[in-house]
Amino acid sequence: MKRVFLLLVAMVLMGFGSIEVNRHVPPEVFETAMDNYQEFLSFVINDGNPEDWKIGQFVADHQLVIDNKLNIAIRPLNQWVAPVLYNGLIIGPMRVNKSSEGRYEIVEFGFSRSTSLLQLKPDEYFLSNMQYDLELGYTPSRDYIRPFGGKAARLFDEWGVDAEGIPLTEFEVLIKQHLKETYPDRFPEKKPLSRYYLLALIPIILIPLAVVLRKNKQSDKAG
């Protein structure tokens, strides 16, 4: 009960950081993938027919930003991701990004068998955090977030929350607590000021204030 109360208080006091989403996929993304994917995947297509490899639909990749002060935000990347399929089975995700010079290029192919990208609903955005190995879906209309397999799904299960999605504010509280417990050296708890320290501090503040007030009173009498 105490945990639930603290969670509710935290959700009221804490506001999620900035949220920015973008669904647009430039045509250059798919063109780059189609022109270069066979060469890029040549190390795994050696024994197979390149025509058996297909690229699914690209979606905009959004980063779940978590900084070293546990500020959390959602930001679009100049990056798009699509599932790579072999004989109809998802082999892994492919990412295409737009460099600072404006070039589109394939930057990554993973071997994860996650079906995250096929789980996306029409009103949902794909979120990822590579540092903490998280893949999630975010629905702005409901302000809900849900896991897409892997570590994110295990966390939702450990927290005992609905895998179909929870409010973003609740997720923020839970993920911050998880990171503090898992990486205590990276996110040390701020120690509250000691009661005795505060009691000792009060006279230090009050004495100079009393002196100033006394001088002002004497000045008023002299005037």
Protein backbone atom coordinates (compact mmCIF):
# COMPACT_ATOMS: atom_id res chain seq x y z
CA MET A 1 0.00 0.00 0.00
CA LYS A 2 2.86 2.33 0.88
CA ARG A 3 4.50 1.64 -2.48
CA VAL A 4 1.27 2.45 -4.33
CA PHE A 5 0.89 5.70 -2.39
CA LEU A 6 4.48 6.76 -3.14
CA LEU A 7 3.99 5.89 -6.79
CA LEU A 8 0.87 8.06 -7.01
CA VAL A 9 2.63 10.97 -5.31
CA ALA A 10 5.60 10.67 -7.66
CA MET A 11 3.33 10.57 -10.70
CA VAL A 12 1.63 13.80 -9.62
CA LEU A 13 4.87 15.62 -8.85
CA MET A 14 6.90 14.44 -11.82
CA GLY A 15 6.24 15.53 -15.37
CA PHE A 16 7.67 13.58 -18.28
CA GLY A 17 10.34 15.47 -20.22
CA SER A 18 9.83 16.80 -23.74
CA ILE A 19 7.97 14.56 -26.18
CA GLU A 20 8.43 14.98 -29.93
CA VAL A 21 7.31 12.45 -32.53
CA ASN A 22 7.51 12.30 -36.32
CA ARG A 23 6.02 9.59 -38.55
CA HIS A 24 7.41 10.72 -41.93
CA VAL A 25 9.69 8.31 -43.83
CA PRO A 26 11.55 10.01 -46.71
CA PRO A 27 11.52 8.05 -50.01
CA GLU A 28 15.34 8.11 -49.98
CA VAL A 29 15.28 5.71 -47.03
CA PHE A 30 13.68 2.86 -48.95
CA GLU A 31 15.69 3.66 -52.09
CA THR A 32 18.94 3.45 -50.10
CA ALA A 33 17.92 0.17 -48.54
CA MET A 34 16.88 -1.42 -51.85
CA ASP A 35 20.04 -0.27 -53.63
CA ASN A 36 22.45 -1.42 -50.94
CA TYR A 37 20.95 -4.10 -48.72
CA GLN A 38 22.30 -7.10 -50.66
CA GLU A 39 25.86 -5.79 -50.44
CA PHE A 40 25.36 -4.81 -46.80
CA LEU A 41 24.04 -8.28 -45.93
CA SER A 42 26.54 -10.15 -48.12
CA PHE A 43 28.16 -11.72 -45.06
CA VAL A 44 24.92 -13.61 -44.33
CA ILE A 45 23.65 -14.13 -47.89
CA ASN A 46 26.71 -16.13 -48.99
CA ASP A 47 24.88 -19.45 -49.22
CA GLY A 48 21.41 -18.21 -50.02
CA ASN A 49 19.53 -16.56 -52.83
CA PRO A 50 19.55 -12.75 -52.36
CA GLU A 51 16.04 -12.64 -53.80
CA ASP A 52 14.80 -14.62 -50.80
CA TRP A 53 15.65 -11.63 -48.59
CA LYS A 54 13.02 -8.92 -48.30
CA ILE A 55 12.80 -5.60 -46.49
CA GLY A 56 9.61 -4.79 -44.63
CA GLN A 57 8.03 -1.40 -44.05
CA PHE A 58 10.26 1.33 -42.61
CA VAL A 59 9.11 3.32 -39.59
CA ALA A 60 10.66 6.35 -37.94
CA ASP A 61 12.93 5.46 -35.03
CA HIS A 62 12.48 7.49 -31.86
CA GLN A 63 14.94 7.56 -29.01
CA LEU A 64 13.88 7.13 -25.42
CA VAL A 65 16.45 9.52 -24.00
CA ILE A 66 17.66 8.83 -20.45
CA ASP A 67 20.46 11.12 -19.32
CA ASN A 68 22.82 10.77 -16.35
CA LYS A 69 20.42 12.76 -14.15
CA LEU A 70 17.53 10.43 -15.04
CA ASN A 71 15.77 13.06 -17.11
CA ILE A 72 13.66 11.21 -19.66
CA ALA A 73 12.38 12.42 -23.03
CA ILE A 74 11.22 11.11 -26.42
CA ARG A 75 12.91 12.48 -29.53
CA PRO A 76 12.81 11.51 -33.21
CA LEU A 77 16.10 10.45 -34.78
CA ASN A 78 17.23 10.98 -38.36
CA GLN A 79 16.94 7.22 -38.50
CA TRP A 80 14.42 4.69 -39.78
CA VAL A 81 14.12 0.99 -39.09
CA ALA A 82 12.55 -1.95 -40.94
CA PRO A 83 12.42 -5.71 -40.45
CA VAL A 84 14.59 -7.86 -42.72
CA LEU A 85 12.90 -11.12 -43.71
CA TYR A 86 14.32 -14.34 -45.13
CA ASN A 87 11.76 -16.67 -46.68
CA GLY A 88 9.08 -14.73 -44.80
CA LEU A 89 10.75 -14.97 -41.37
CA ILE A 90 12.11 -11.93 -39.55
CA ILE A 91 15.88 -12.24 -39.22
CA GLY A 92 16.52 -8.84 -37.66
CA PRO A 93 16.07 -5.08 -37.99
CA MET A 94 17.85 -2.85 -40.49
CA ARG A 95 18.47 0.82 -39.79
CA VAL A 96 19.02 3.61 -42.29
CA ASN A 97 20.05 7.05 -41.13
CA LYS A 98 20.58 10.50 -42.57
CA SER A 99 24.04 11.85 -41.82
CA SER A 100 24.82 15.46 -40.94
CA GLU A 101 25.98 15.86 -44.57
CA GLY A 102 22.54 14.76 -45.79
CA ARG A 103 23.56 11.30 -47.02
CA TYR A 104 21.31 8.29 -46.41
CA GLU A 105 23.12 5.08 -45.50
CA ILE A 106 22.52 1.69 -43.93
CA VAL A 107 24.13 1.79 -40.50
CA GLU A 108 23.07 -1.38 -38.75
CA PHE A 109 21.68 -4.86 -39.13
CA GLY A 110 20.92 -6.82 -35.99
CA PHE A 111 20.33 -10.51 -35.42
CA SER A 112 17.55 -10.04 -32.89
CA ARG A 113 14.48 -12.13 -33.73
CA SER A 114 12.23 -9.57 -32.07
CA THR A 115 8.97 -8.97 -33.92
CA SER A 116 8.71 -5.46 -32.51
CA LEU A 117 8.26 -3.75 -35.84
CA LEU A 118 5.37 -5.99 -36.86
CA GLN A 119 3.59 -5.28 -33.57
CA LEU A 120 3.28 -1.55 -34.22
CA LYS A 121 -0.29 -0.31 -34.31
CA PRO A 122 -1.35 2.44 -36.75
CA ASP A 123 -1.35 5.12 -34.03
CA GLU A 124 1.83 3.89 -32.32
CA TYR A 125 5.45 5.06 -32.51
CA PHE A 126 8.56 2.90 -32.23
CA LEU A 127 10.89 3.83 -29.35
CA SER A 128 14.32 2.41 -28.63
CA ASN A 129 17.09 2.90 -26.12
CA MET A 130 20.18 0.97 -27.20
CA GLN A 131 22.10 1.78 -24.01
CA TYR A 132 19.60 -0.15 -21.88
CA ASP A 133 18.41 -2.52 -24.63
CA LEU A 134 14.79 -1.33 -24.65
CA GLU A 135 12.24 -1.46 -27.47
CA LEU A 136 8.81 0.00 -26.82
CA GLY A 137 5.70 1.35 -28.49
CA TYR A 138 4.25 4.76 -27.58
CA THR A 139 0.67 5.87 -28.30
CA PRO A 140 0.32 9.69 -27.99
CA SER A 141 -3.50 9.67 -28.06
CA ARG A 142 -3.59 7.57 -24.86
CA ASP A 143 -0.17 8.66 -23.54
CA TYR A 144 0.55 4.95 -23.05
CA ILE A 145 3.74 2.96 -23.48
CA ARG A 146 4.14 -0.80 -23.90
CA PRO A 147 7.01 -3.29 -24.29
CA PHE A 148 8.08 -5.05 -27.49
CA GLY A 149 9.59 -8.28 -26.21
CA GLY A 150 13.09 -8.77 -24.83
CA LYS A 151 14.25 -6.82 -21.82
CA ALA A 152 11.33 -4.37 -21.88
CA ALA A 153 8.82 -7.23 -21.65
CA ARG A 154 10.74 -8.81 -18.76
CA LEU A 155 10.70 -5.51 -16.88
CA PHE A 156 6.95 -5.08 -17.29
CA ASP A 157 6.52 -8.63 -16.00
CA GLU A 158 8.75 -7.95 -12.98
CA TRP A 159 6.83 -4.77 -12.21
CA GLY A 160 3.54 -6.65 -12.39
CA VAL A 161 1.99 -4.14 -14.80
CA ASP A 162 -0.12 -4.62 -17.93
CA ALA A 163 1.97 -5.66 -20.94
CA GLU A 164 -0.67 -4.02 -23.14
CA GLY A 165 0.50 -0.66 -21.88
CA ILE A 166 0.71 1.70 -18.90
CA PRO A 167 0.57 5.51 -18.58
CA LEU A 168 3.83 7.21 -19.51
CA THR A 169 4.06 8.82 -16.07
CA GLU A 170 3.86 5.42 -14.37
CA PHE A 171 6.53 4.03 -16.71
CA GLU A 172 8.81 6.95 -15.84
CA VAL A 173 8.59 6.22 -12.12
CA LEU A 174 9.21 2.49 -12.61
CA ILE A 175 12.11 2.77 -15.06
CA LYS A 176 13.86 5.36 -12.89
CA GLN A 177 13.56 3.11 -9.85
CA HIS A 178 14.85 0.15 -11.88
CA LEU A 179 17.87 2.08 -13.13
CA LYS A 180 18.73 3.36 -9.65
CA GLU A 181 18.63 -0.18 -8.27
CA THR A 182 20.48 -1.76 -11.20
CA TYR A 183 23.15 0.93 -11.64
CA PRO A 184 23.67 2.45 -8.17
CA ASP A 185 27.11 3.80 -9.11
CA ARG A 186 25.73 5.54 -12.17
CA PHE A 187 22.63 6.91 -10.46
CA PRO A 188 23.49 7.37 -6.76
CA GLU A 189 20.66 8.21 -4.40
CA LYS A 190 20.72 11.77 -3.12
CA LYS A 191 21.06 11.62 0.63
CA PRO A 192 18.56 13.84 2.47
CA LEU A 193 19.97 16.47 4.80
CA SER A 194 20.38 15.24 8.35
CA ARG A 195 17.89 16.57 10.90
CA TYR A 196 20.79 17.49 13.19
CA TYR A 197 22.51 19.32 10.35
CA LEU A 198 19.37 21.35 9.75
CA LEU A 199 19.03 22.15 13.46
CA ALA A 200 22.64 23.34 13.52
CA LEU A 201 22.04 25.42 10.41
CA ILE A 202 19.08 27.34 11.85
CA PRO A 203 21.09 29.43 14.39
CA ILE A 204 23.69 30.23 11.73
CA ILE A 205 20.94 31.74 9.60
CA LEU A 206 18.96 33.38 12.40
CA ILE A 207 21.84 35.10 14.25
CA PRO A 208 22.95 37.36 11.34
CA LEU A 209 19.29 38.08 10.61
CA ALA A 210 18.71 39.11 14.23
CA VAL A 211 21.75 41.42 14.13
CA VAL A 212 20.49 43.12 10.97
CA LEU A 213 17.00 43.58 12.43
CA ARG A 214 18.46 45.00 15.65
CA LYS A 215 20.58 47.52 13.74
CA ASN A 216 17.58 48.59 11.70
CA LYS A 217 15.56 49.06 14.89
CA GLN A 218 18.31 51.18 16.45
CA SER A 219 18.54 53.27 13.28
CA ASP A 220 14.79 53.89 13.40
CA LYS A 221 15.02 55.07 17.03
CA ALA A 222 17.95 57.36 16.25
CA GLY A 223 16.02 58.85 13.37
